[in-house]
């Protein structure tokens, strides 16, 4: 497909599996989405999407953009995953994109999973860019595993991350070359309760994990990471 976009808006059907697979895309100009003010250059766009007991799979996408302002997966508004839902982007290749995944607000709860798995970027800013608040709760997982690329940062955080209720940040086996793994805007921090876990093993990076020194402090019987 050429300068096209796959878009989903608001609540998707419950208990269903949706797949965007085997896409070979060349993108050169932004697309105006119907009934929105969104003018974007992305392969997949989510607009205030809610997944409830459902799965959205983006797999085996090979995309090239001639515009450096492009995002592979772009979520505007709040992306909500509940009831054991999952969103997977895996085995995708992006060339010429700024961010593999650009997410405004993310709320993952009730045994749900948001995952970027085994994707590659030839260059760019980040694998995952967080614009506003991220929340992972109630036995849920945010997984960034097995990705690689010549990017500045694996994860770019611009606001609060809250991880609670036996949840998991799984950040294993990523290779960002000489880039940083976790970069914050200066005001971002990660708050993790005592029942939740962060796993960061097997990653290759050029700088330390965080862009500034890490402060670990006790908060309400849990732990708060301030970057």
Foldseek 3Di string as FASTA:
>chain_A
DEQDEAEDEAEDDAQEEAEAADAEYEYEAWDCDPPDRDTAREHYEYENYEYANYEYEYEHYEYEYPEAAHEHYEYHDEYHYEHQYEYEYEHYEYENYAEPYEHEEYEYEHNYEYEYYQYEYAEHAEPYEYNEEYEHEAAYEYYYENYEYQHQEHYEYEAEYEYYHQYEYHYEQYENDAHEYYEYPQFYWYHYFANYYYDYPNYHYNDYNYPDDWDWDDDPNGIIIGD
